[in-house]
């Protein structure tokens, strides 16, 4: 069995602007049509990191607009959770996948 790589991401360098919020949005939406609408809505604010999870770095206005849009999509049987992360939070990634906040270095 191949060993799983453990990677840690410290967000203190990502959240430099105190007006921006790093959020993790996870959802469980039963209806396919509403779930598709939710994906399209969240893609306009952040990046999909798993099938039912998005990360976004948003200024306060967009954060509230995102939540307002979510309330127009979901129904009482759905479950959406939004976790606000701060610069002292650490994310541990196991297995495949990465963070959307890695620095991209281009050498010309």
Foldseek 3Di string as FASTA:
>chain_A
DDDKDKDKDQCLVVPPDPQKWKKKKFKDADDPVLLVVLVVLVVVAFADFDPGMTIGIGGPVVVVVSVVVNVVRGDPVMDMDMDTDDRRDMDMDIHDTDDPPDDDDDDD
